[in-house]
Amino acid sequence: SANYDILPNAKLYSEFSFHDDHTVA
């Protein structure tokens, strides 16, 4: 996640997630 204050009244925020699962029956 990342946050950045562009202006006093504007905050840019972001999130990113990645998940991988692998199984063999």
mmCIF file of all heavy atoms, coordinates in Angstrom:
data_MODEL
# 
_entry.id   MODEL 
# 
loop_
_atom_site.group_PDB 
_atom_site.id 
_atom_site.type_symbol 
_atom_site.label_atom_id 
_atom_site.label_alt_id 
_atom_site.label_comp_id 
_atom_site.label_asym_id 
_atom_site.label_entity_id 
_atom_site.label_seq_id 
_atom_site.pdbx_PDB_ins_code 
_atom_site.Cartn_x 
_atom_site.Cartn_y 
_atom_site.Cartn_z 
_atom_site.occupancy 
_atom_site.B_iso_or_equiv 
_atom_site.pdbx_formal_charge 
_atom_site.auth_seq_id 
_atom_site.auth_comp_id 
_atom_site.auth_asym_id 
_atom_site.auth_atom_id 
_atom_site.pdbx_PDB_model_num 
ATOM 1   N N   . SER A 1 1  ? 0.857   -1.183  0.000  1.00 0.00 ? 1  SER A N   1 
ATOM 2   C CA  . SER A 1 1  ? 0.000   0.000   0.000  1.00 0.00 ? 1  SER A CA  1 
ATOM 3   C C   . SER A 1 1  ? 0.896   1.237   0.000  1.00 0.00 ? 1  SER A C   1 
ATOM 4   O O   . SER A 1 1  ? 2.035   1.204   0.502  1.00 0.00 ? 1  SER A O   1 
ATOM 5   C CB  . SER A 1 1  ? -0.931  0.026   1.218  1.00 0.00 ? 1  SER A CB  1 
ATOM 6   O OG  . SER A 1 1  ? -0.162  0.089   2.410  1.00 0.00 ? 1  SER A OG  1 
ATOM 7   N N   . ALA A 1 2  ? 0.396   2.306   -0.579 1.00 0.00 ? 2  ALA A N   1 
ATOM 8   C CA  . ALA A 1 2  ? 1.164   3.547   -0.645 1.00 0.00 ? 2  ALA A CA  1 
ATOM 9   C C   . ALA A 1 2  ? 0.218   4.739   -0.557 1.00 0.00 ? 2  ALA A C   1 
ATOM 10  O O   . ALA A 1 2  ? -0.884  4.716   -1.135 1.00 0.00 ? 2  ALA A O   1 
ATOM 11  C CB  . ALA A 1 2  ? 1.967   3.615   -1.946 1.00 0.00 ? 2  ALA A CB  1 
ATOM 12  N N   . ASN A 1 3  ? 0.624   5.756   0.177  1.00 0.00 ? 3  ASN A N   1 
ATOM 13  C CA  . ASN A 1 3  ? -0.143  6.991   0.311  1.00 0.00 ? 3  ASN A CA  1 
ATOM 14  C C   . ASN A 1 3  ? 0.777   8.177   0.011  1.00 0.00 ? 3  ASN A C   1 
ATOM 15  O O   . ASN A 1 3  ? 1.964   8.175   0.368  1.00 0.00 ? 3  ASN A O   1 
ATOM 16  C CB  . ASN A 1 3  ? -0.697  7.137   1.734  1.00 0.00 ? 3  ASN A CB  1 
ATOM 17  C CG  . ASN A 1 3  ? -1.628  5.986   2.099  1.00 0.00 ? 3  ASN A CG  1 
ATOM 18  O OD1 . ASN A 1 3  ? -2.527  5.674   1.343  1.00 0.00 ? 3  ASN A OD1 1 
ATOM 19  N ND2 . ASN A 1 3  ? -1.383  5.369   3.244  1.00 0.00 ? 3  ASN A ND2 1 
ATOM 20  N N   . TYR A 1 4  ? 0.208   9.175   -0.651 1.00 0.00 ? 4  TYR A N   1 
ATOM 21  C CA  . TYR A 1 4  ? 1.017   10.347  -0.994 1.00 0.00 ? 4  TYR A CA  1 
ATOM 22  C C   . TYR A 1 4  ? 0.139   11.593  -0.934 1.00 0.00 ? 4  TYR A C   1 
ATOM 23  O O   . TYR A 1 4  ? -0.924  11.638  -1.562 1.00 0.00 ? 4  TYR A O   1 
ATOM 24  C CB  . TYR A 1 4  ? 1.603   10.184  -2.396 1.00 0.00 ? 4  TYR A CB  1 
ATOM 25  C CG  . TYR A 1 4  ? 2.529   11.294  -2.803 1.00 0.00 ? 4  TYR A CG  1 
ATOM 26  C CD1 . TYR A 1 4  ? 3.792   11.406  -2.248 1.00 0.00 ? 4  TYR A CD1 1 
ATOM 27  C CD2 . TYR A 1 4  ? 2.118   12.235  -3.757 1.00 0.00 ? 4  TYR A CD2 1 
ATOM 28  C CE1 . TYR A 1 4  ? 4.645   12.426  -2.627 1.00 0.00 ? 4  TYR A CE1 1 
ATOM 29  C CE2 . TYR A 1 4  ? 2.962   13.258  -4.142 1.00 0.00 ? 4  TYR A CE2 1 
ATOM 30  C CZ  . TYR A 1 4  ? 4.230   13.360  -3.571 1.00 0.00 ? 4  TYR A CZ  1 
ATOM 31  O OH  . TYR A 1 4  ? 5.067   14.365  -3.952 1.00 0.00 ? 4  TYR A OH  1 
ATOM 32  N N   . ASP A 1 5  ? 0.600   12.582  -0.158 1.00 0.00 ? 5  ASP A N   1 
ATOM 33  C CA  . ASP A 1 5  ? -0.136  13.837  -0.045 1.00 0.00 ? 5  ASP A CA  1 
ATOM 34  C C   . ASP A 1 5  ? 0.225   14.729  -1.227 1.00 0.00 ? 5  ASP A C   1 
ATOM 35  O O   . ASP A 1 5  ? 1.328   15.311  -1.276 1.00 0.00 ? 5  ASP A O   1 
ATOM 36  C CB  . ASP A 1 5  ? 0.200   14.535  1.271  1.00 0.00 ? 5  ASP A CB  1 
ATOM 37  C CG  . ASP A 1 5  ? -0.333  13.768  2.466  1.00 0.00 ? 5  ASP A CG  1 
ATOM 38  O OD1 . ASP A 1 5  ? -1.343  13.064  2.296  1.00 0.00 ? 5  ASP A OD1 1 
ATOM 39  O OD2 . ASP A 1 5  ? 0.270   13.851  3.544  1.00 0.00 ? 5  ASP A OD2 1 
ATOM 40  N N   . ILE A 1 6  ? -0.695  14.839  -2.166 1.00 0.00 ? 6  ILE A N   1 
ATOM 41  C CA  . ILE A 1 6  ? -0.456  15.675  -3.343 1.00 0.00 ? 6  ILE A CA  1 
ATOM 42  C C   . ILE A 1 6  ? -0.600  17.154  -2.966 1.00 0.00 ? 6  ILE A C   1 
ATOM 43  O O   . ILE A 1 6  ? 0.261   17.977  -3.263 1.00 0.00 ? 6  ILE A O   1 
ATOM 44  C CB  . ILE A 1 6  ? -1.448  15.317  -4.463 1.00 0.00 ? 6  ILE A CB  1 
ATOM 45  C CG1 . ILE A 1 6  ? -1.336  13.829  -4.815 1.00 0.00 ? 6  ILE A CG1 1 
ATOM 46  C CG2 . ILE A 1 6  ? -1.195  16.164  -5.697 1.00 0.00 ? 6  ILE A CG2 1 
ATOM 47  C CD1 . ILE A 1 6  ? -2.383  13.366  -5.796 1.00 0.00 ? 6  ILE A CD1 1 
ATOM 48  N N   . LEU A 1 7  ? -1.712  17.456  -2.295 1.00 0.00 ? 7  LEU A N   1 
ATOM 49  C CA  . LEU A 1 7  ? -2.028  18.812  -1.835 1.00 0.00 ? 7  LEU A CA  1 
ATOM 50  C C   . LEU A 1 7  ? -2.549  18.711  -0.406 1.00 0.00 ? 7  LEU A C   1 
ATOM 51  O O   . LEU A 1 7  ? -2.890  17.608  0.061  1.00 0.00 ? 7  LEU A O   1 
ATOM 52  C CB  . LEU A 1 7  ? -3.088  19.447  -2.744 1.00 0.00 ? 7  LEU A CB  1 
ATOM 53  C CG  . LEU A 1 7  ? -2.698  19.662  -4.220 1.00 0.00 ? 7  LEU A CG  1 
ATOM 54  C CD1 . LEU A 1 7  ? -3.940  20.047  -5.026 1.00 0.00 ? 7  LEU A CD1 1 
ATOM 55  C CD2 . LEU A 1 7  ? -1.615  20.726  -4.345 1.00 0.00 ? 7  LEU A CD2 1 
ATOM 56  N N   . PRO A 1 8  ? -2.672  19.808  0.290  1.00 0.00 ? 8  PRO A N   1 
ATOM 57  C CA  . PRO A 1 8  ? -3.218  19.736  1.648  1.00 0.00 ? 8  PRO A CA  1 
ATOM 58  C C   . PRO A 1 8  ? -4.611  19.106  1.698  1.00 0.00 ? 8  PRO A C   1 
ATOM 59  O O   . PRO A 1 8  ? -4.987  18.499  2.706  1.00 0.00 ? 8  PRO A O   1 
ATOM 60  C CB  . PRO A 1 8  ? -3.245  21.203  2.097  1.00 0.00 ? 8  PRO A CB  1 
ATOM 61  C CG  . PRO A 1 8  ? -2.154  21.844  1.313  1.00 0.00 ? 8  PRO A CG  1 
ATOM 62  C CD  . PRO A 1 8  ? -2.184  21.175  -0.024 1.00 0.00 ? 8  PRO A CD  1 
ATOM 63  N N   . ASN A 1 9  ? -5.380  19.228  0.621  1.00 0.00 ? 9  ASN A N   1 
ATOM 64  C CA  . ASN A 1 9  ? -6.736  18.665  0.604  1.00 0.00 ? 9  ASN A CA  1 
ATOM 65  C C   . ASN A 1 9  ? -6.878  17.504  -0.383 1.00 0.00 ? 9  ASN A C   1 
ATOM 66  O O   . ASN A 1 9  ? -7.977  17.183  -0.805 1.00 0.00 ? 9  ASN A O   1 
ATOM 67  C CB  . ASN A 1 9  ? -7.743  19.761  0.259  1.00 0.00 ? 9  ASN A CB  1 
ATOM 68  C CG  . ASN A 1 9  ? -7.478  20.344  -1.119 1.00 0.00 ? 9  ASN A CG  1 
ATOM 69  O OD1 . ASN A 1 9  ? -6.418  20.104  -1.703 1.00 0.00 ? 9  ASN A OD1 1 
ATOM 70  N ND2 . ASN A 1 9  ? -8.435  21.108  -1.623 1.00 0.00 ? 9  ASN A ND2 1 
ATOM 71  N N   . ALA A 1 10 ? -5.757  16.876  -0.729 1.00 0.00 ? 10 ALA A N   1 
ATOM 72  C CA  . ALA A 1 10 ? -5.812  15.753  -1.669 1.00 0.00 ? 10 ALA A CA  1 
ATOM 73  C C   . ALA A 1 10 ? -4.740  14.733  -1.314 1.00 0.00 ? 10 ALA A C   1 
ATOM 74  O O   . ALA A 1 10 ? -3.543  15.014  -1.420 1.00 0.00 ? 10 ALA A O   1 
ATOM 75  C CB  . ALA A 1 10 ? -5.649  16.223  -3.110 1.00 0.00 ? 10 ALA A CB  1 
ATOM 76  N N   . LYS A 1 11 ? -5.177  13.543  -0.879 1.00 0.00 ? 11 LYS A N   1 
ATOM 77  C CA  . LYS A 1 11 ? -4.259  12.449  -0.568 1.00 0.00 ? 11 LYS A CA  1 
ATOM 78  C C   . LYS A 1 11 ? -4.493  11.312  -1.572 1.00 0.00 ? 11 LYS A C   1 
ATOM 79  O O   . LYS A 1 11 ? -5.623  10.832  -1.728 1.00 0.00 ? 11 LYS A O   1 
ATOM 80  C CB  . LYS A 1 11 ? -4.479  11.938  0.847  1.00 0.00 ? 11 LYS A CB  1 
ATOM 81  C CG  . LYS A 1 11 ? -3.649  10.695  1.174  1.00 0.00 ? 11 LYS A CG  1 
ATOM 82  C CD  . LYS A 1 11 ? -3.923  10.168  2.563  1.00 0.00 ? 11 LYS A CD  1 
ATOM 83  C CE  . LYS A 1 11 ? -3.268  11.084  3.586  1.00 0.00 ? 11 LYS A CE  1 
ATOM 84  N NZ  . LYS A 1 11 ? -3.353  10.502  4.960  1.00 0.00 ? 11 LYS A NZ  1 
ATOM 85  N N   . LEU A 1 12 ? -3.432  10.908  -2.240 1.00 0.00 ? 12 LEU A N   1 
ATOM 86  C CA  . LEU A 1 12 ? -3.500  9.783   -3.166 1.00 0.00 ? 12 LEU A CA  1 
ATOM 87  C C   . LEU A 1 12 ? -3.198  8.505   -2.393 1.00 0.00 ? 12 LEU A C   1 
ATOM 88  O O   . LEU A 1 12 ? -2.212  8.449   -1.644 1.00 0.00 ? 12 LEU A O   1 
ATOM 89  C CB  . LEU A 1 12 ? -2.484  9.971   -4.299 1.00 0.00 ? 12 LEU A CB  1 
ATOM 90  C CG  . LEU A 1 12 ? -2.462  8.890   -5.385 1.00 0.00 ? 12 LEU A CG  1 
ATOM 91  C CD1 . LEU A 1 12 ? -3.738  8.957   -6.217 1.00 0.00 ? 12 LEU A CD1 1 
ATOM 92  C CD2 . LEU A 1 12 ? -1.228  9.067   -6.279 1.00 0.00 ? 12 LEU A CD2 1 
ATOM 93  N N   . TYR A 1 13 ? -4.043  7.505   -2.534 1.00 0.00 ? 13 TYR A N   1 
ATOM 94  C CA  . TYR A 1 13 ? -3.800  6.230   -1.837 1.00 0.00 ? 13 TYR A CA  1 
ATOM 95  C C   . TYR A 1 13 ? -3.945  5.072   -2.825 1.00 0.00 ? 13 TYR A C   1 
ATOM 96  O O   . TYR A 1 13 ? -4.656  5.161   -3.826 1.00 0.00 ? 13 TYR A O   1 
ATOM 97  C CB  . TYR A 1 13 ? -4.745  6.054   -0.651 1.00 0.00 ? 13 TYR A CB  1 
ATOM 98  C CG  . TYR A 1 13 ? -6.205  5.962   -0.983 1.00 0.00 ? 13 TYR A CG  1 
ATOM 99  C CD1 . TYR A 1 13 ? -6.823  4.734   -1.210 1.00 0.00 ? 13 TYR A CD1 1 
ATOM 100 C CD2 . TYR A 1 13 ? -6.994  7.119   -1.028 1.00 0.00 ? 13 TYR A CD2 1 
ATOM 101 C CE1 . TYR A 1 13 ? -8.179  4.662   -1.494 1.00 0.00 ? 13 TYR A CE1 1 
ATOM 102 C CE2 . TYR A 1 13 ? -8.341  7.059   -1.312 1.00 0.00 ? 13 TYR A CE2 1 
ATOM 103 C CZ  . TYR A 1 13 ? -8.937  5.816   -1.549 1.00 0.00 ? 13 TYR A CZ  1 
ATOM 104 O OH  . TYR A 1 13 ? -10.277 5.744   -1.843 1.00 0.00 ? 13 TYR A OH  1 
ATOM 105 N N   . SER A 1 14 ? -3.242  3.984   -2.540 1.00 0.00 ? 14 SER A N   1 
ATOM 106 C CA  . SER A 1 14 ? -3.277  2.819   -3.436 1.00 0.00 ? 14 SER A CA  1 
ATOM 107 C C   . SER A 1 14 ? -3.019  1.543   -2.635 1.00 0.00 ? 14 SER A C   1 
ATOM 108 O O   . SER A 1 14 ? -2.369  1.565   -1.579 1.00 0.00 ? 14 SER A O   1 
ATOM 109 C CB  . SER A 1 14 ? -2.227  2.955   -4.548 1.00 0.00 ? 14 SER A CB  1 
ATOM 110 O OG  . SER A 1 14 ? -0.928  2.993   -4.005 1.00 0.00 ? 14 SER A OG  1 
ATOM 111 N N   . GLU A 1 15 ? -3.543  0.450   -3.162 1.00 0.00 ? 15 GLU A N   1 
ATOM 112 C CA  . GLU A 1 15 ? -3.321  -0.873  -2.585 1.00 0.00 ? 15 GLU A CA  1 
ATOM 113 C C   . GLU A 1 15 ? -3.094  -1.858  -3.727 1.00 0.00 ? 15 GLU A C   1 
ATOM 114 O O   . GLU A 1 15 ? -3.677  -1.718  -4.811 1.00 0.00 ? 15 GLU A O   1 
ATOM 115 C CB  . GLU A 1 15 ? -4.537  -1.333  -1.772 1.00 0.00 ? 15 GLU A CB  1 
ATOM 116 C CG  . GLU A 1 15 ? -4.910  -0.437  -0.617 1.00 0.00 ? 15 GLU A CG  1 
ATOM 117 C CD  . GLU A 1 15 ? -6.220  -0.878  0.036  1.00 0.00 ? 15 GLU A CD  1 
ATOM 118 O OE1 . GLU A 1 15 ? -6.712  -1.976  -0.305 1.00 0.00 ? 15 GLU A OE1 1 
ATOM 119 O OE2 . GLU A 1 15 ? -6.740  -0.115  0.855  1.00 0.00 ? 15 GLU A OE2 1 
ATOM 120 N N   . PHE A 1 16 ? -2.250  -2.832  -3.483 1.00 0.00 ? 16 PHE A N   1 
ATOM 121 C CA  . PHE A 1 16 ? -2.040  -3.894  -4.462 1.00 0.00 ? 16 PHE A CA  1 
ATOM 122 C C   . PHE A 1 16 ? -1.791  -5.200  -3.724 1.00 0.00 ? 16 PHE A C   1 
ATOM 123 O O   . PHE A 1 16 ? -1.042  -5.227  -2.733 1.00 0.00 ? 16 PHE A O   1 
ATOM 124 C CB  . PHE A 1 16 ? -0.842  -3.592  -5.365 1.00 0.00 ? 16 PHE A CB  1 
ATOM 125 C CG  . PHE A 1 16 ? -0.561  -4.689  -6.352 1.00 0.00 ? 16 PHE A CG  1 
ATOM 126 C CD1 . PHE A 1 16 ? -1.331  -4.825  -7.502 1.00 0.00 ? 16 PHE A CD1 1 
ATOM 127 C CD2 . PHE A 1 16 ? 0.465   -5.595  -6.125 1.00 0.00 ? 16 PHE A CD2 1 
ATOM 128 C CE1 . PHE A 1 16 ? -1.080  -5.854  -8.402 1.00 0.00 ? 16 PHE A CE1 1 
ATOM 129 C CE2 . PHE A 1 16 ? 0.727   -6.620  -7.027 1.00 0.00 ? 16 PHE A CE2 1 
ATOM 130 C CZ  . PHE A 1 16 ? -0.046  -6.744  -8.170 1.00 0.00 ? 16 PHE A CZ  1 
ATOM 131 N N   . SER A 1 17 ? -2.420  -6.277  -4.208 1.00 0.00 ? 17 SER A N   1 
ATOM 132 C CA  . SER A 1 17 ? -2.203  -7.589  -3.601 1.00 0.00 ? 17 SER A CA  1 
ATOM 133 C C   . SER A 1 17 ? -2.141  -8.657  -4.692 1.00 0.00 ? 17 SER A C   1 
ATOM 134 O O   . SER A 1 17 ? -2.798  -8.557  -5.736 1.00 0.00 ? 17 SER A O   1 
ATOM 135 C CB  . SER A 1 17 ? -3.316  -7.928  -2.598 1.00 0.00 ? 17 SER A CB  1 
ATOM 136 O OG  . SER A 1 17 ? -4.567  -8.021  -3.247 1.00 0.00 ? 17 SER A OG  1 
ATOM 137 N N   . PHE A 1 18 ? -1.342  -9.660  -4.443 1.00 0.00 ? 18 PHE A N   1 
ATOM 138 C CA  . PHE A 1 18 ? -1.176  -10.799 -5.345 1.00 0.00 ? 18 PHE A CA  1 
ATOM 139 C C   . PHE A 1 18 ? -1.085  -12.059 -4.500 1.00 0.00 ? 18 PHE A C   1 
ATOM 140 O O   . PHE A 1 18 ? -0.349  -12.098 -3.508 1.00 0.00 ? 18 PHE A O   1 
ATOM 141 C CB  . PHE A 1 18 ? 0.093   -10.640 -6.183 1.00 0.00 ? 18 PHE A CB  1 
ATOM 142 C CG  . PHE A 1 18 ? 0.504   -11.902 -6.910 1.00 0.00 ? 18 PHE A CG  1 
ATOM 143 C CD1 . PHE A 1 18 ? -0.068  -12.233 -8.127 1.00 0.00 ? 18 PHE A CD1 1 
ATOM 144 C CD2 . PHE A 1 18 ? 1.456   -12.752 -6.361 1.00 0.00 ? 18 PHE A CD2 1 
ATOM 145 C CE1 . PHE A 1 18 ? 0.303   -13.403 -8.793 1.00 0.00 ? 18 PHE A CE1 1 
ATOM 146 C CE2 . PHE A 1 18 ? 1.832   -13.915 -7.021 1.00 0.00 ? 18 PHE A CE2 1 
ATOM 147 C CZ  . PHE A 1 18 ? 1.262   -14.239 -8.237 1.00 0.00 ? 18 PHE A CZ  1 
ATOM 148 N N   . HIS A 1 19 ? -1.846  -13.066 -4.893 1.00 0.00 ? 19 HIS A N   1 
ATOM 149 C CA  . HIS A 1 19 ? -1.807  -14.350 -4.192 1.00 0.00 ? 19 HIS A CA  1 
ATOM 150 C C   . HIS A 1 19 ? -1.899  -15.470 -5.209 1.00 0.00 ? 19 HIS A C   1 
ATOM 151 O O   . HIS A 1 19 ? -2.651  -15.385 -6.187 1.00 0.00 ? 19 HIS A O   1 
ATOM 152 C CB  . HIS A 1 19 ? -2.953  -14.465 -3.174 1.00 0.00 ? 19 HIS A CB  1 
ATOM 153 C CG  . HIS A 1 19 ? -2.881  -13.473 -2.065 1.00 0.00 ? 19 HIS A CG  1 
ATOM 154 N ND1 . HIS A 1 19 ? -2.136  -13.680 -0.922 1.00 0.00 ? 19 HIS A ND1 1 
ATOM 155 C CD2 . HIS A 1 19 ? -3.443  -12.249 -1.935 1.00 0.00 ? 19 HIS A CD2 1 
ATOM 156 C CE1 . HIS A 1 19 ? -2.247  -12.626 -0.137 1.00 0.00 ? 19 HIS A CE1 1 
ATOM 157 N NE2 . HIS A 1 19 ? -3.044  -11.751 -0.725 1.00 0.00 ? 19 HIS A NE2 1 
ATOM 158 N N   . ASP A 1 20 ? -1.135  -16.507 -4.982 1.00 0.00 ? 20 ASP A N   1 
ATOM 159 C CA  . ASP A 1 20 ? -1.130  -17.673 -5.874 1.00 0.00 ? 20 ASP A CA  1 
ATOM 160 C C   . ASP A 1 20 ? -1.088  -18.934 -5.026 1.00 0.00 ? 20 ASP A C   1 
ATOM 161 O O   . ASP A 1 20 ? -0.276  -19.031 -4.084 1.00 0.00 ? 20 ASP A O   1 
ATOM 162 C CB  . ASP A 1 20 ? 0.081   -17.627 -6.806 1.00 0.00 ? 20 ASP A CB  1 
ATOM 163 C CG  . ASP A 1 20 ? 0.107   -18.805 -7.771 1.00 0.00 ? 20 ASP A CG  1 
ATOM 164 O OD1 . ASP A 1 20 ? -0.481  -18.702 -8.856 1.00 0.00 ? 20 ASP A OD1 1 
ATOM 165 O OD2 . ASP A 1 20 ? 0.724   -19.846 -7.434 1.00 0.00 ? 20 ASP A OD2 1 
ATOM 166 N N   . ASP A 1 21 ? -1.968  -19.875 -5.321 1.00 0.00 ? 21 ASP A N   1 
ATOM 167 C CA  . ASP A 1 21 ? -1.910  -21.170 -4.651 1.00 0.00 ? 21 ASP A CA  1 
ATOM 168 C C   . ASP A 1 21 ? -1.968  -22.289 -5.680 1.00 0.00 ? 21 ASP A C   1 
ATOM 169 O O   . ASP A 1 21 ? -2.681  -22.201 -6.681 1.00 0.00 ? 21 ASP A O   1 
ATOM 170 C CB  . ASP A 1 21 ? -3.026  -21.317 -3.608 1.00 0.00 ? 21 ASP A CB  1 
ATOM 171 C CG  . ASP A 1 21 ? -4.414  -21.380 -4.222 1.00 0.00 ? 21 ASP A CG  1 
ATOM 172 O OD1 . ASP A 1 21 ? -4.832  -22.474 -4.625 1.00 0.00 ? 21 ASP A OD1 1 
ATOM 173 O OD2 . ASP A 1 21 ? -5.071  -20.330 -4.297 1.00 0.00 ? 21 ASP A OD2 1 
ATOM 174 N N   . HIS A 1 22 ? -1.195  -23.324 -5.447 1.00 0.00 ? 22 HIS A N   1 
ATOM 175 C CA  . HIS A 1 22 ? -1.058  -24.449 -6.381 1.00 0.00 ? 22 HIS A CA  1 
ATOM 176 C C   . HIS A 1 22 ? -1.038  -25.742 -5.581 1.00 0.00 ? 22 HIS A C   1 
ATOM 177 O O   . HIS A 1 22 ? -0.292  -25.868 -4.607 1.00 0.00 ? 22 HIS A O   1 
ATOM 178 C CB  . HIS A 1 22 ? 0.246   -24.310 -7.179 1.00 0.00 ? 22 HIS A CB  1 
ATOM 179 C CG  . HIS A 1 22 ? 0.494   -25.431 -8.131 1.00 0.00 ? 22 HIS A CG  1 
ATOM 180 N ND1 . HIS A 1 22 ? 1.737   -25.931 -8.405 1.00 0.00 ? 22 HIS A ND1 1 
ATOM 181 C CD2 . HIS A 1 22 ? -0.378  -26.171 -8.877 1.00 0.00 ? 22 HIS A CD2 1 
ATOM 182 C CE1 . HIS A 1 22 ? 1.653   -26.921 -9.275 1.00 0.00 ? 22 HIS A CE1 1 
ATOM 183 N NE2 . HIS A 1 22 ? 0.375   -27.086 -9.570 1.00 0.00 ? 22 HIS A NE2 1 
ATOM 184 N N   . THR A 1 23 ? -1.870  -26.688 -5.970 1.00 0.00 ? 23 THR A N   1 
ATOM 185 C CA  . THR A 1 23 ? -1.936  -27.967 -5.268 1.00 0.00 ? 23 THR A CA  1 
ATOM 186 C C   . THR A 1 23 ? -2.241  -29.077 -6.258 1.00 0.00 ? 23 THR A C   1 
ATOM 187 O O   . THR A 1 23 ? -2.866  -28.844 -7.297 1.00 0.00 ? 23 THR A O   1 
ATOM 188 C CB  . THR A 1 23 ? -2.995  -27.943 -4.152 1.00 0.00 ? 23 THR A CB  1 
ATOM 189 O OG1 . THR A 1 23 ? -2.983  -29.194 -3.452 1.00 0.00 ? 23 THR A OG1 1 
ATOM 190 C CG2 . THR A 1 23 ? -4.388  -27.710 -4.716 1.00 0.00 ? 23 THR A CG2 1 
ATOM 191 N N   . VAL A 1 24 ? -1.788  -30.266 -5.929 1.00 0.00 ? 24 VAL A N   1 
ATOM 192 C CA  . VAL A 1 24 ? -2.013  -31.444 -6.772 1.00 0.00 ? 24 VAL A CA  1 
ATOM 193 C C   . VAL A 1 24 ? -2.676  -32.521 -5.920 1.00 0.00 ? 24 VAL A C   1 
ATOM 194 O O   . VAL A 1 24 ? -2.142  -32.923 -4.873 1.00 0.00 ? 24 VAL A O   1 
ATOM 195 C CB  . VAL A 1 24 ? -0.698  -31.988 -7.365 1.00 0.00 ? 24 VAL A CB  1 
ATOM 196 C CG1 . VAL A 1 24 ? -0.969  -33.260 -8.172 1.00 0.00 ? 24 VAL A CG1 1 
ATOM 197 C CG2 . VAL A 1 24 ? -0.037  -30.940 -8.251 1.00 0.00 ? 24 VAL A CG2 1 
ATOM 198 N N   . ALA A 1 25 ? -3.832  -32.959 -6.371 1.00 0.00 ? 25 ALA A N   1 
ATOM 199 C CA  . ALA A 1 25 ? -4.522  -34.080 -5.732 1.00 0.00 ? 25 ALA A CA  1 
ATOM 200 C C   . ALA A 1 25 ? -4.240  -35.346 -6.532 1.00 0.00 ? 25 ALA A C   1 
ATOM 201 O O   . ALA A 1 25 ? -4.090  -35.305 -7.749 1.00 0.00 ? 25 ALA A O   1 
ATOM 202 C CB  . ALA A 1 25 ? -6.025  -33.818 -5.676 1.00 0.00 ? 25 ALA A CB  1 
# 
